[in-house]
């Protein structure tokens, strides 16, 4: 089986697909906004990426959410629940981390079916 890498760079690919399962990570484009703005950006980017792969939010298998401040969990959960269609929540982990870019408040890793 072939591994498909979309937009490969020396350190990462935008998406890696194997046997119809896609792995990708999204980060906020504008880190000058607060947590809610960054979370909204990441969710919108994930939705766009899913659409480009012929997939959507209902086909998410798992998500790992990396937050730099536990105080942002409440807004994350509110936005996450509003973003997902009812009955389609993937498995999920949410961890507090220190990201390499100190202005970045969130990073999300997704696994989705794309075939």
PDB file of N, CA and C in Angstrom:
ATOM      1  N   UNK A   1       0.828  -1.191   0.000  1.00  0.00           N
ATOM      2  CA  UNK A   1       0.000   0.000   0.000  1.00  0.00           C
ATOM      3  C   UNK A   1       0.871   1.253   0.000  1.00  0.00           C
ATOM      4  N   UNK A   2       0.403   2.239  -0.702  1.00  0.00           N
ATOM      5  CA  UNK A   2       1.130   3.488  -0.829  1.00  0.00           C
ATOM      6  C   UNK A   2       0.704   4.476   0.250  1.00  0.00           C
ATOM      7  N   UNK A   3       1.656   5.191   0.803  1.00  0.00           N
ATOM      8  CA  UNK A   3       1.372   6.299   1.712  1.00  0.00           C
ATOM      9  C   UNK A   3       1.336   7.570   0.877  1.00  0.00           C
ATOM     10  N   UNK A   4       0.251   8.313   0.989  1.00  0.00           N
ATOM     11  CA  UNK A   4       0.114   9.577   0.255  1.00  0.00           C
ATOM     12  C   UNK A   4       0.454  10.719   1.201  1.00  0.00           C
ATOM     13  N   UNK A   5       1.347  11.592   0.771  1.00  0.00           N
ATOM     14  CA  UNK A   5       1.728  12.755   1.576  1.00  0.00           C
ATOM     15  C   UNK A   5       1.364  14.012   0.789  1.00  0.00           C
ATOM     16  N   UNK A   6       0.537  14.837   1.383  1.00  0.00           N
ATOM     17  CA  UNK A   6       0.084  16.058   0.729  1.00  0.00           C
ATOM     18  C   UNK A   6       0.935  17.225   1.224  1.00  0.00           C
ATOM     19  N   UNK A   7       1.526  17.943   0.287  1.00  0.00           N
ATOM     20  CA  UNK A   7       2.398  19.085   0.564  1.00  0.00           C
ATOM     21  C   UNK A   7       3.514  18.733   1.545  1.00  0.00           C
ATOM     22  N   UNK A   8       4.323  17.735   1.215  1.00  0.00           N
ATOM     23  CA  UNK A   8       5.406  17.372   2.134  1.00  0.00           C
ATOM     24  C   UNK A   8       6.470  18.462   2.224  1.00  0.00           C
ATOM     25  N   UNK A   9       6.921  18.696   3.413  1.00  0.00           N
ATOM     26  CA  UNK A   9       8.008  19.626   3.715  1.00  0.00           C
ATOM     27  C   UNK A   9       9.127  18.810   4.378  1.00  0.00           C
ATOM     28  N   UNK A  10      10.265  19.397   4.637  1.00  0.00           N
ATOM     29  CA  UNK A  10      11.328  18.641   5.296  1.00  0.00           C
ATOM     30  C   UNK A  10      10.933  18.105   6.681  1.00  0.00           C
ATOM     31  N   UNK A  11      10.053  18.835   7.415  1.00  0.00           N
ATOM     32  CA  UNK A  11       9.702  18.421   8.775  1.00  0.00           C
ATOM     33  C   UNK A  11       8.313  17.809   8.910  1.00  0.00           C
ATOM     34  N   UNK A  12       7.421  18.042   7.955  1.00  0.00           N
ATOM     35  CA  UNK A  12       6.053  17.519   8.053  1.00  0.00           C
ATOM     36  C   UNK A  12       5.388  17.528   6.698  1.00  0.00           C
ATOM     37  N   UNK A  13       4.255  16.858   6.631  1.00  0.00           N
ATOM     38  CA  UNK A  13       3.352  16.943   5.476  1.00  0.00           C
ATOM     39  C   UNK A  13       2.046  17.541   5.987  1.00  0.00           C
ATOM     40  N   UNK A  14       1.331  18.272   5.133  1.00  0.00           N
ATOM     41  CA  UNK A  14       0.051  18.828   5.563  1.00  0.00           C
ATOM     42  C   UNK A  14      -0.914  17.721   5.958  1.00  0.00           C
ATOM     43  N   UNK A  15      -0.899  16.640   5.183  1.00  0.00           N
ATOM     44  CA  UNK A  15      -1.747  15.479   5.463  1.00  0.00           C
ATOM     45  C   UNK A  15      -0.973  14.229   5.060  1.00  0.00           C
ATOM     46  N   UNK A  16      -1.134  13.183   5.856  1.00  0.00           N
ATOM     47  CA  UNK A  16      -0.591  11.872   5.498  1.00  0.00           C
ATOM     48  C   UNK A  16      -1.763  10.901   5.462  1.00  0.00           C
ATOM     49  N   UNK A  17      -1.896  10.180   4.330  1.00  0.00           N
ATOM     50  CA  UNK A  17      -3.037   9.278   4.144  1.00  0.00           C
ATOM     51  C   UNK A  17      -2.513   7.869   3.882  1.00  0.00           C
ATOM     52  N   UNK A  18      -3.112   6.921   4.603  1.00  0.00           N
ATOM     53  CA  UNK A  18      -2.774   5.521   4.400  1.00  0.00           C
ATOM     54  C   UNK A  18      -4.053   4.692   4.565  1.00  0.00           C
ATOM     55  N   UNK A  19      -4.342   3.890   3.559  1.00  0.00           N
ATOM     56  CA  UNK A  19      -5.535   3.030   3.562  1.00  0.00           C
ATOM     57  C   UNK A  19      -6.812   3.809   3.892  1.00  0.00           C
ATOM     58  N   UNK A  20      -6.926   5.016   3.328  1.00  0.00           N
ATOM     59  CA  UNK A  20      -8.135   5.816   3.512  1.00  0.00           C
ATOM     60  C   UNK A  20      -8.251   6.521   4.843  1.00  0.00           C
ATOM     61  N   UNK A  21      -7.190   6.483   5.643  1.00  0.00           N
ATOM     62  CA  UNK A  21      -7.180   7.173   6.931  1.00  0.00           C
ATOM     63  C   UNK A  21      -6.194   8.328   6.839  1.00  0.00           C
ATOM     64  N   UNK A  22      -6.679   9.537   7.114  1.00  0.00           N
ATOM     65  CA  UNK A  22      -5.860  10.745   7.021  1.00  0.00           C
ATOM     66  C   UNK A  22      -5.470  11.251   8.403  1.00  0.00           C
ATOM     67  N   UNK A  23      -4.226  11.679   8.516  1.00  0.00           N
ATOM     68  CA  UNK A  23      -3.696  12.293   9.738  1.00  0.00           C
ATOM     69  C   UNK A  23      -3.261  13.708   9.379  1.00  0.00           C
ATOM     70  N   UNK A  24      -3.702  14.681  10.166  1.00  0.00           N
ATOM     71  CA  UNK A  24      -3.278  16.059   9.913  1.00  0.00           C
ATOM     72  C   UNK A  24      -3.360  16.880  11.189  1.00  0.00           C
ATOM     73  N   UNK A  25      -2.638  17.988  11.191  1.00  0.00           N
ATOM     74  CA  UNK A  25      -2.561  18.877  12.347  1.00  0.00           C
ATOM     75  C   UNK A  25      -2.924  20.283  11.886  1.00  0.00           C
ATOM     76  N   UNK A  26      -3.662  20.979  12.732  1.00  0.00           N
ATOM     77  CA  UNK A  26      -3.989  22.381  12.443  1.00  0.00           C
ATOM     78  C   UNK A  26      -3.543  23.265  13.599  1.00  0.00           C
ATOM     79  N   UNK A  27      -3.062  24.449  13.241  1.00  0.00           N
ATOM     80  CA  UNK A  27      -2.653  25.474  14.205  1.00  0.00           C
ATOM     81  C   UNK A  27      -3.267  26.802  13.764  1.00  0.00           C
ATOM     82  N   UNK A  28      -3.424  27.740  14.677  1.00  0.00           N
ATOM     83  CA  UNK A  28      -3.999  29.031  14.285  1.00  0.00           C
ATOM     84  C   UNK A  28      -3.068  29.804  13.361  1.00  0.00           C
ATOM     85  N   UNK A  29      -3.679  30.493  12.413  1.00  0.00           N
ATOM     86  CA  UNK A  29      -2.894  31.329  11.501  1.00  0.00           C
ATOM     87  C   UNK A  29      -2.566  32.677  12.121  1.00  0.00           C
ATOM     88  N   UNK A  30      -3.486  33.207  12.932  1.00  0.00           N
ATOM     89  CA  UNK A  30      -3.315  34.516  13.562  1.00  0.00           C
ATOM     90  C   UNK A  30      -3.250  34.325  15.073  1.00  0.00           C
ATOM     91  N   UNK A  31      -2.069  34.415  15.637  1.00  0.00           N
ATOM     92  CA  UNK A  31      -1.908  34.209  17.075  1.00  0.00           C
ATOM     93  C   UNK A  31      -2.091  35.496  17.878  1.00  0.00           C
ATOM     94  N   UNK A  32      -2.462  36.570  17.208  1.00  0.00           N
ATOM     95  CA  UNK A  32      -2.688  37.831  17.919  1.00  0.00           C
ATOM     96  C   UNK A  32      -4.043  37.867  18.598  1.00  0.00           C
ATOM     97  N   UNK A  33      -4.915  36.910  18.263  1.00  0.00           N
ATOM     98  CA  UNK A  33      -6.240  36.853  18.876  1.00  0.00           C
ATOM     99  C   UNK A  33      -6.190  35.941  20.093  1.00  0.00           C
ATOM    100  N   UNK A  34      -7.202  36.027  20.935  1.00  0.00           N
ATOM    101  CA  UNK A  34      -7.246  35.221  22.147  1.00  0.00           C
ATOM    102  C   UNK A  34      -7.598  33.770  21.872  1.00  0.00           C
ATOM    103  N   UNK A  35      -7.822  33.034  22.948  1.00  0.00           N
ATOM    104  CA  UNK A  35      -8.080  31.600  22.853  1.00  0.00           C
ATOM    105  C   UNK A  35      -9.294  31.293  21.979  1.00  0.00           C
ATOM    106  N   UNK A  36     -10.400  31.991  22.183  1.00  0.00           N
ATOM    107  CA  UNK A  36     -11.597  31.704  21.392  1.00  0.00           C
ATOM    108  C   UNK A  36     -11.333  31.903  19.908  1.00  0.00           C
ATOM    109  N   UNK A  37     -10.658  32.982  19.559  1.00  0.00           N
ATOM    110  CA  UNK A  37     -10.341  33.237  18.158  1.00  0.00           C
ATOM    111  C   UNK A  37      -9.421  32.183  17.576  1.00  0.00           C
ATOM    112  N   UNK A  38      -8.416  31.761  18.334  1.00  0.00           N
ATOM    113  CA  UNK A  38      -7.505  30.735  17.843  1.00  0.00           C
ATOM    114  C   UNK A  38      -8.213  29.392  17.686  1.00  0.00           C
ATOM    115  N   UNK A  39      -9.064  29.040  18.626  1.00  0.00           N
ATOM    116  CA  UNK A  39      -9.806  27.781  18.541  1.00  0.00           C
ATOM    117  C   UNK A  39     -10.721  27.799  17.318  1.00  0.00           C
ATOM    118  N   UNK A  40     -11.423  28.890  17.104  1.00  0.00           N
ATOM    119  CA  UNK A  40     -12.305  29.007  15.933  1.00  0.00           C
ATOM    120  C   UNK A  40     -11.509  28.857  14.637  1.00  0.00           C
ATOM    121  N   UNK A  41     -10.324  29.461  14.584  1.00  0.00           N
ATOM    122  CA  UNK A  41      -9.479  29.337  13.394  1.00  0.00           C
ATOM    123  C   UNK A  41      -9.114  27.881  13.133  1.00  0.00           C
ATOM    124  N   UNK A  42      -8.680  27.181  14.176  1.00  0.00           N
ATOM    125  CA  UNK A  42      -8.244  25.796  14.023  1.00  0.00           C
ATOM    126  C   UNK A  42      -9.405  24.915  13.562  1.00  0.00           C
ATOM    127  N   UNK A  43     -10.574  25.103  14.132  1.00  0.00           N
ATOM    128  CA  UNK A  43     -11.733  24.304  13.723  1.00  0.00           C
ATOM    129  C   UNK A  43     -12.127  24.601  12.278  1.00  0.00           C
ATOM    130  N   UNK A  44     -12.073  25.867  11.880  1.00  0.00           N
ATOM    131  CA  UNK A  44     -12.388  26.225  10.492  1.00  0.00           C
ATOM    132  C   UNK A  44     -11.357  25.630   9.529  1.00  0.00           C
ATOM    133  N   UNK A  45     -10.091  25.689   9.898  1.00  0.00           N
ATOM    134  CA  UNK A  45      -9.046  25.104   9.053  1.00  0.00           C
ATOM    135  C   UNK A  45      -9.225  23.587   8.935  1.00  0.00           C
ATOM    136  N   UNK A  46      -9.576  22.947  10.021  1.00  0.00           N
ATOM    137  CA  UNK A  46      -9.797  21.496   9.983  1.00  0.00           C
ATOM    138  C   UNK A  46     -10.960  21.162   9.062  1.00  0.00           C
ATOM    139  N   UNK A  47     -12.013  21.942   9.129  1.00  0.00           N
ATOM    140  CA  UNK A  47     -13.171  21.696   8.262  1.00  0.00           C
ATOM    141  C   UNK A  47     -12.790  21.877   6.789  1.00  0.00           C
ATOM    142  N   UNK A  48     -12.005  22.887   6.492  1.00  0.00           N
ATOM    143  CA  UNK A  48     -11.537  23.104   5.120  1.00  0.00           C
ATOM    144  C   UNK A  48     -10.658  21.944   4.647  1.00  0.00           C
ATOM    145  N   UNK A  49      -9.760  21.499   5.514  1.00  0.00           N
ATOM    146  CA  UNK A  49      -8.853  20.399   5.162  1.00  0.00           C
ATOM    147  C   UNK A  49      -9.655  19.123   4.903  1.00  0.00           C
ATOM    148  N   UNK A  50     -10.637  18.849   5.750  1.00  0.00           N
ATOM    149  CA  UNK A  50     -11.489  17.671   5.560  1.00  0.00           C
ATOM    150  C   UNK A  50     -12.191  17.737   4.204  1.00  0.00           C
ATOM    151  N   UNK A  51     -12.730  18.901   3.867  1.00  0.00           N
ATOM    152  CA  UNK A  51     -13.436  19.057   2.592  1.00  0.00           C
ATOM    153  C   UNK A  51     -12.495  18.815   1.414  1.00  0.00           C
ATOM    154  N   UNK A  52     -11.264  19.304   1.508  1.00  0.00           N
ATOM    155  CA  UNK A  52     -10.292  19.093   0.428  1.00  0.00           C
ATOM    156  C   UNK A  52      -9.984  17.613   0.218  1.00  0.00           C
ATOM    157  N   UNK A  53     -10.115  16.816   1.281  1.00  0.00           N
ATOM    158  CA  UNK A  53      -9.844  15.377   1.200  1.00  0.00           C
ATOM    159  C   UNK A  53     -11.102  14.584   0.863  1.00  0.00           C
ATOM    160  N   UNK A  54     -12.219  15.274   0.627  1.00  0.00           N
ATOM    161  CA  UNK A  54     -13.468  14.580   0.362  1.00  0.00           C
ATOM    162  C   UNK A  54     -14.072  13.975   1.612  1.00  0.00           C
ATOM    163  N   UNK A  55     -13.815  14.587   2.747  1.00  0.00           N
ATOM    164  CA  UNK A  55     -14.313  14.091   4.025  1.00  0.00           C
ATOM    165  C   UNK A  55     -15.071  15.212   4.732  1.00  0.00           C
ATOM    166  N   UNK A  56     -15.489  14.954   5.955  1.00  0.00           N
ATOM    167  CA  UNK A  56     -16.162  15.979   6.752  1.00  0.00           C
ATOM    168  C   UNK A  56     -16.091  15.616   8.229  1.00  0.00           C
ATOM    169  N   UNK A  57     -16.656  16.460   9.082  1.00  0.00           N
ATOM    170  CA  UNK A  57     -16.573  16.286  10.534  1.00  0.00           C
ATOM    171  C   UNK A  57     -17.197  14.978  11.014  1.00  0.00           C
ATOM    172  N   UNK A  58     -18.155  14.444  10.288  1.00  0.00           N
ATOM    173  CA  UNK A  58     -18.806  13.202  10.711  1.00  0.00           C
ATOM    174  C   UNK A  58     -17.880  12.000  10.541  1.00  0.00           C
ATOM    175  N   UNK A  59     -16.760  12.190   9.854  1.00  0.00           N
ATOM    176  CA  UNK A  59     -15.846  11.080   9.571  1.00  0.00           C
ATOM    177  C   UNK A  59     -14.567  11.153  10.404  1.00  0.00           C
ATOM    178  N   UNK A  60     -14.557  12.030  11.411  1.00  0.00           N
ATOM    179  CA  UNK A  60     -13.419  12.099  12.322  1.00  0.00           C
ATOM    180  C   UNK A  60     -13.374  10.849  13.190  1.00  0.00           C
ATOM    181  N   UNK A  61     -12.199  10.276  13.332  1.00  0.00           N
ATOM    182  CA  UNK A  61     -12.016   9.105  14.187  1.00  0.00           C
ATOM    183  C   UNK A  61     -11.463   9.484  15.555  1.00  0.00           C
ATOM    184  N   UNK A  62     -10.508  10.413  15.569  1.00  0.00           N
ATOM    185  CA  UNK A  62      -9.945  10.859  16.843  1.00  0.00           C
ATOM    186  C   UNK A  62      -9.334  12.243  16.683  1.00  0.00           C
ATOM    187  N   UNK A  63      -9.234  12.918  17.805  1.00  0.00           N
ATOM    188  CA  UNK A  63      -8.617  14.244  17.843  1.00  0.00           C
ATOM    189  C   UNK A  63      -7.829  14.369  19.143  1.00  0.00           C
ATOM    190  N   UNK A  64      -6.635  14.925  19.033  1.00  0.00           N
ATOM    191  CA  UNK A  64      -5.859  15.278  20.216  1.00  0.00           C
ATOM    192  C   UNK A  64      -5.743  16.789  20.244  1.00  0.00           C
ATOM    193  N   UNK A  65      -6.155  17.369  21.352  1.00  0.00           N
ATOM    194  CA  UNK A  65      -6.168  18.821  21.519  1.00  0.00           C
ATOM    195  C   UNK A  65      -5.052  19.192  22.490  1.00  0.00           C
ATOM    196  N   UNK A  66      -4.207  20.099  22.061  1.00  0.00           N
ATOM    197  CA  UNK A  66      -3.108  20.576  22.889  1.00  0.00           C
ATOM    198  C   UNK A  66      -3.410  22.025  23.271  1.00  0.00           C
ATOM    199  N   UNK A  67      -3.638  22.262  24.549  1.00  0.00           N
ATOM    200  CA  UNK A  67      -3.921  23.599  25.064  1.00  0.00           C
ATOM    201  C   UNK A  67      -2.779  24.042  25.975  1.00  0.00           C
ATOM    202  N   UNK A  68      -2.425  25.316  25.905  1.00  0.00           N
ATOM    203  CA  UNK A  68      -1.348  25.822  26.751  1.00  0.00           C
ATOM    204  C   UNK A  68      -1.841  26.280  28.114  1.00  0.00           C
ATOM    205  N   UNK A  69      -3.159  26.449  28.264  1.00  0.00           N
ATOM    206  CA  UNK A  69      -3.717  26.957  29.524  1.00  0.00           C
ATOM    207  C   UNK A  69      -5.010  26.216  29.838  1.00  0.00           C
ATOM    208  N   UNK A  70      -5.072  25.571  30.987  1.00  0.00           N
ATOM    209  CA  UNK A  70      -6.277  24.816  31.347  1.00  0.00           C
ATOM    210  C   UNK A  70      -7.503  25.718  31.484  1.00  0.00           C
ATOM    211  N   UNK A  71      -7.292  27.024  31.647  1.00  0.00           N
ATOM    212  CA  UNK A  71      -8.424  27.951  31.725  1.00  0.00           C
ATOM    213  C   UNK A  71      -9.171  28.033  30.393  1.00  0.00           C
ATOM    214  N   UNK A  72      -8.578  27.556  29.313  1.00  0.00           N
ATOM    215  CA  UNK A  72      -9.220  27.602  27.999  1.00  0.00           C
ATOM    216  C   UNK A  72     -10.037  26.341  27.693  1.00  0.00           C
ATOM    217  N   UNK A  73     -10.084  25.404  28.621  1.00  0.00           N
ATOM    218  CA  UNK A  73     -10.834  24.164  28.391  1.00  0.00           C
ATOM    219  C   UNK A  73     -12.327  24.448  28.234  1.00  0.00           C
ATOM    220  N   UNK A  74     -12.868  25.326  29.038  1.00  0.00           N
ATOM    221  CA  UNK A  74     -14.302  25.608  28.963  1.00  0.00           C
ATOM    222  C   UNK A  74     -14.694  26.164  27.596  1.00  0.00           C
ATOM    223  N   UNK A  75     -13.958  27.158  27.100  1.00  0.00           N
ATOM    224  CA  UNK A  75     -14.273  27.716  25.780  1.00  0.00           C
ATOM    225  C   UNK A  75     -14.011  26.674  24.694  1.00  0.00           C
ATOM    226  N   UNK A  76     -12.967  25.869  24.866  1.00  0.00           N
ATOM    227  CA  UNK A  76     -12.688  24.807  23.889  1.00  0.00           C
ATOM    228  C   UNK A  76     -13.863  23.841  23.819  1.00  0.00           C
ATOM    229  N   UNK A  77     -14.334  23.389  24.971  1.00  0.00           N
ATOM    230  CA  UNK A  77     -15.450  22.434  24.979  1.00  0.00           C
ATOM    231  C   UNK A  77     -16.709  23.035  24.377  1.00  0.00           C
ATOM    232  N   UNK A  78     -16.981  24.281  24.663  1.00  0.00           N
ATOM    233  CA  UNK A  78     -18.178  24.944  24.109  1.00  0.00           C
ATOM    234  C   UNK A  78     -18.109  25.019  22.592  1.00  0.00           C
ATOM    235  N   UNK A  79     -16.981  25.471  22.078  1.00  0.00           N
ATOM    236  CA  UNK A  79     -16.823  25.599  20.628  1.00  0.00           C
ATOM    237  C   UNK A  79     -16.778  24.231  19.948  1.00  0.00           C
ATOM    238  N   UNK A  80     -16.123  23.272  20.567  1.00  0.00           N
ATOM    239  CA  UNK A  80     -16.015  21.908  20.037  1.00  0.00           C
ATOM    240  C   UNK A  80     -17.401  21.290  19.899  1.00  0.00           C
ATOM    241  N   UNK A  81     -18.199  21.377  20.955  1.00  0.00           N
ATOM    242  CA  UNK A  81     -19.536  20.787  20.930  1.00  0.00           C
ATOM    243  C   UNK A  81     -20.437  21.469  19.902  1.00  0.00           C
ATOM    244  N   UNK A  82     -20.296  22.766  19.727  1.00  0.00           N
ATOM    245  CA  UNK A  82     -21.094  23.486  18.731  1.00  0.00           C
ATOM    246  C   UNK A  82     -20.631  23.144  17.312  1.00  0.00           C
ATOM    247  N   UNK A  83     -19.364  22.846  17.143  1.00  0.00           N
ATOM    248  CA  UNK A  83     -18.784  22.558  15.827  1.00  0.00           C
ATOM    249  C   UNK A  83     -19.151  21.168  15.324  1.00  0.00           C
ATOM    250  N   UNK A  84     -19.224  20.210  16.204  1.00  0.00           N
ATOM    251  CA  UNK A  84     -19.498  18.827  15.800  1.00  0.00           C
ATOM    252  C   UNK A  84     -20.983  18.573  15.602  1.00  0.00           C
ATOM    253  N   UNK A  85     -21.358  17.808  14.562  1.00  0.00           N
ATOM    254  CA  UNK A  85     -22.740  17.384  14.422  1.00  0.00           C
ATOM    255  C   UNK A  85     -23.103  16.434  15.575  1.00  0.00           C
ATOM    256  N   UNK A  86     -24.342  16.446  15.980  1.00  0.00           N
ATOM    257  CA  UNK A  86     -24.806  15.585  17.073  1.00  0.00           C
ATOM    258  C   UNK A  86     -24.516  14.118  16.763  1.00  0.00           C
ATOM    259  N   UNK A  87     -24.029  13.409  17.759  1.00  0.00           N
ATOM    260  CA  UNK A  87     -23.788  11.983  17.621  1.00  0.00           C
ATOM    261  C   UNK A  87     -22.544  11.617  16.841  1.00  0.00           C
ATOM    262  N   UNK A  88     -21.681  12.588  16.523  1.00  0.00           N
ATOM    263  CA  UNK A  88     -20.508  12.303  15.682  1.00  0.00           C
ATOM    264  C   UNK A  88     -19.177  12.597  16.374  1.00  0.00           C
ATOM    265  N   UNK A  89     -19.178  12.718  17.680  1.00  0.00           N
ATOM    266  CA  UNK A  89     -17.925  13.041  18.371  1.00  0.00           C
ATOM    267  C   UNK A  89     -16.913  11.904  18.215  1.00  0.00           C
ATOM    268  N   UNK A  90     -15.680  12.232  17.827  1.00  0.00           N
ATOM    269  CA  UNK A  90     -14.634  11.209  17.740  1.00  0.00           C
ATOM    270  C   UNK A  90     -14.064  10.935  19.136  1.00  0.00           C
ATOM    271  N   UNK A  91     -13.205   9.934  19.245  1.00  0.00           N
ATOM    272  CA  UNK A  91     -12.455   9.800  20.491  1.00  0.00           C
ATOM    273  C   UNK A  91     -11.592  11.056  20.601  1.00  0.00           C
ATOM    274  N   UNK A  92     -11.299  11.463  21.840  1.00  0.00           N
ATOM    275  CA  UNK A  92     -10.621  12.742  22.010  1.00  0.00           C
ATOM    276  C   UNK A  92      -9.744  12.723  23.253  1.00  0.00           C
ATOM    277  N   UNK A  93      -8.598  13.349  23.128  1.00  0.00           N
ATOM    278  CA  UNK A  93      -7.739  13.618  24.278  1.00  0.00           C
ATOM    279  C   UNK A  93      -7.464  15.113  24.284  1.00  0.00           C
ATOM    280  N   UNK A  94      -7.427  15.689  25.470  1.00  0.00           N
ATOM    281  CA  UNK A  94      -7.127  17.113  25.609  1.00  0.00           C
ATOM    282  C   UNK A  94      -6.047  17.230  26.672  1.00  0.00           C
ATOM    283  N   UNK A  95      -4.905  17.774  26.286  1.00  0.00           N
ATOM    284  CA  UNK A  95      -3.780  17.858  27.206  1.00  0.00           C
ATOM    285  C   UNK A  95      -3.255  19.286  27.306  1.00  0.00           C
ATOM    286  N   UNK A  96      -2.722  19.613  28.481  1.00  0.00           N
ATOM    287  CA  UNK A  96      -2.088  20.902  28.699  1.00  0.00           C
ATOM    288  C   UNK A  96      -0.610  20.754  28.363  1.00  0.00           C
ATOM    289  N   UNK A  97      -0.122  21.644  27.510  1.00  0.00           N
ATOM    290  CA  UNK A  97       1.262  21.566  27.036  1.00  0.00           C
ATOM    291  C   UNK A  97       1.883  22.959  26.972  1.00  0.00           C
ATOM    292  N   UNK A  98       3.167  22.967  26.747  1.00  0.00           N
ATOM    293  CA  UNK A  98       3.873  24.190  26.395  1.00  0.00           C
ATOM    294  C   UNK A  98       4.237  24.043  24.921  1.00  0.00           C
ATOM    295  N   UNK A  99       3.621  24.853  24.061  1.00  0.00           N
ATOM    296  CA  UNK A  99       3.912  24.786  22.628  1.00  0.00           C
ATOM    297  C   UNK A  99       5.178  25.587  22.326  1.00  0.00           C
ATOM    298  N   UNK A 100       5.846  25.228  21.249  1.00  0.00           N
ATOM    299  CA  UNK A 100       7.108  25.879  20.906  1.00  0.00           C
ATOM    300  C   UNK A 100       6.934  27.349  20.562  1.00  0.00           C
ATOM    301  N   UNK A 101       5.794  27.709  19.952  1.00  0.00           N
ATOM    302  CA  UNK A 101       5.489  29.112  19.688  1.00  0.00           C
ATOM    303  C   UNK A 101       4.693  29.629  20.883  1.00  0.00           C
ATOM    304  N   UNK A 102       5.250  30.498  21.718  1.00  0.00           N
ATOM    305  CA  UNK A 102       4.562  30.938  22.932  1.00  0.00           C
ATOM    306  C   UNK A 102       3.278  31.727  22.674  1.00  0.00           C
ATOM    307  N   UNK A 103       3.082  32.229  21.456  1.00  0.00           N
ATOM    308  CA  UNK A 103       1.859  32.952  21.126  1.00  0.00           C
ATOM    309  C   UNK A 103       0.724  32.017  20.730  1.00  0.00           C
ATOM    310  N   UNK A 104       1.047  30.782  20.451  1.00  0.00           N
ATOM    311  CA  UNK A 104       0.058  29.793  20.039  1.00  0.00           C
ATOM    312  C   UNK A 104      -0.574  29.188  21.288  1.00  0.00           C
ATOM    313  N   UNK A 105      -1.902  29.234  21.365  1.00  0.00           N
ATOM    314  CA  UNK A 105      -2.619  28.729  22.536  1.00  0.00           C
ATOM    315  C   UNK A 105      -3.201  27.346  22.323  1.00  0.00           C
ATOM    316  N   UNK A 106      -3.241  26.885  21.076  1.00  0.00           N
ATOM    317  CA  UNK A 106      -3.847  25.601  20.749  1.00  0.00           C
ATOM    318  C   UNK A 106      -3.198  24.988  19.517  1.00  0.00           C
ATOM    319  N   UNK A 107      -3.181  23.674  19.497  1.00  0.00           N
ATOM    320  CA  UNK A 107      -2.799  22.894  18.326  1.00  0.00           C
ATOM    321  C   UNK A 107      -3.685  21.641  18.383  1.00  0.00           C
ATOM    322  N   UNK A 108      -4.152  21.188  17.237  1.00  0.00           N
ATOM    323  CA  UNK A 108      -5.031  20.015  17.212  1.00  0.00           C
ATOM    324  C   UNK A 108      -4.557  19.024  16.154  1.00  0.00           C
ATOM    325  N   UNK A 109      -4.495  17.755  16.546  1.00  0.00           N
ATOM    326  CA  UNK A 109      -4.135  16.660  15.637  1.00  0.00           C
ATOM    327  C   UNK A 109      -5.387  15.819  15.379  1.00  0.00           C
ATOM    328  N   UNK A 110      -5.671  15.579  14.108  1.00  0.00           N
ATOM    329  CA  UNK A 110      -6.885  14.880  13.691  1.00  0.00           C
ATOM    330  C   UNK A 110      -6.559  13.587  12.951  1.00  0.00           C
ATOM    331  N   UNK A 111      -7.449  12.617  13.090  1.00  0.00           N
ATOM    332  CA  UNK A 111      -7.424  11.404  12.285  1.00  0.00           C
ATOM    333  C   UNK A 111      -8.834  11.252  11.725  1.00  0.00           C
ATOM    334  N   UNK A 112      -8.939  11.070  10.404  1.00  0.00           N
ATOM    335  CA  UNK A 112     -10.248  11.005   9.760  1.00  0.00           C
ATOM    336  C   UNK A 112     -10.250  10.021   8.607  1.00  0.00           C
ATOM    337  N   UNK A 113     -11.420   9.482   8.322  1.00  0.00           N
ATOM    338  CA  UNK A 113     -11.616   8.651   7.143  1.00  0.00           C
ATOM    339  C   UNK A 113     -11.776   9.586   5.941  1.00  0.00           C
ATOM    340  N   UNK A 114     -11.097   9.272   4.850  1.00  0.00           N
ATOM    341  CA  UNK A 114     -11.153  10.186   3.697  1.00  0.00           C
ATOM    342  C   UNK A 114     -11.476   9.461   2.398  1.00  0.00           C
ATOM    343  N   UNK A 115     -11.990   8.240   2.460  1.00  0.00           N
ATOM    344  CA  UNK A 115     -12.347   7.578   1.210  1.00  0.00           C
ATOM    345  C   UNK A 115     -13.808   7.247   1.176  1.00  0.00           C
TER     346      UNK A 115
END
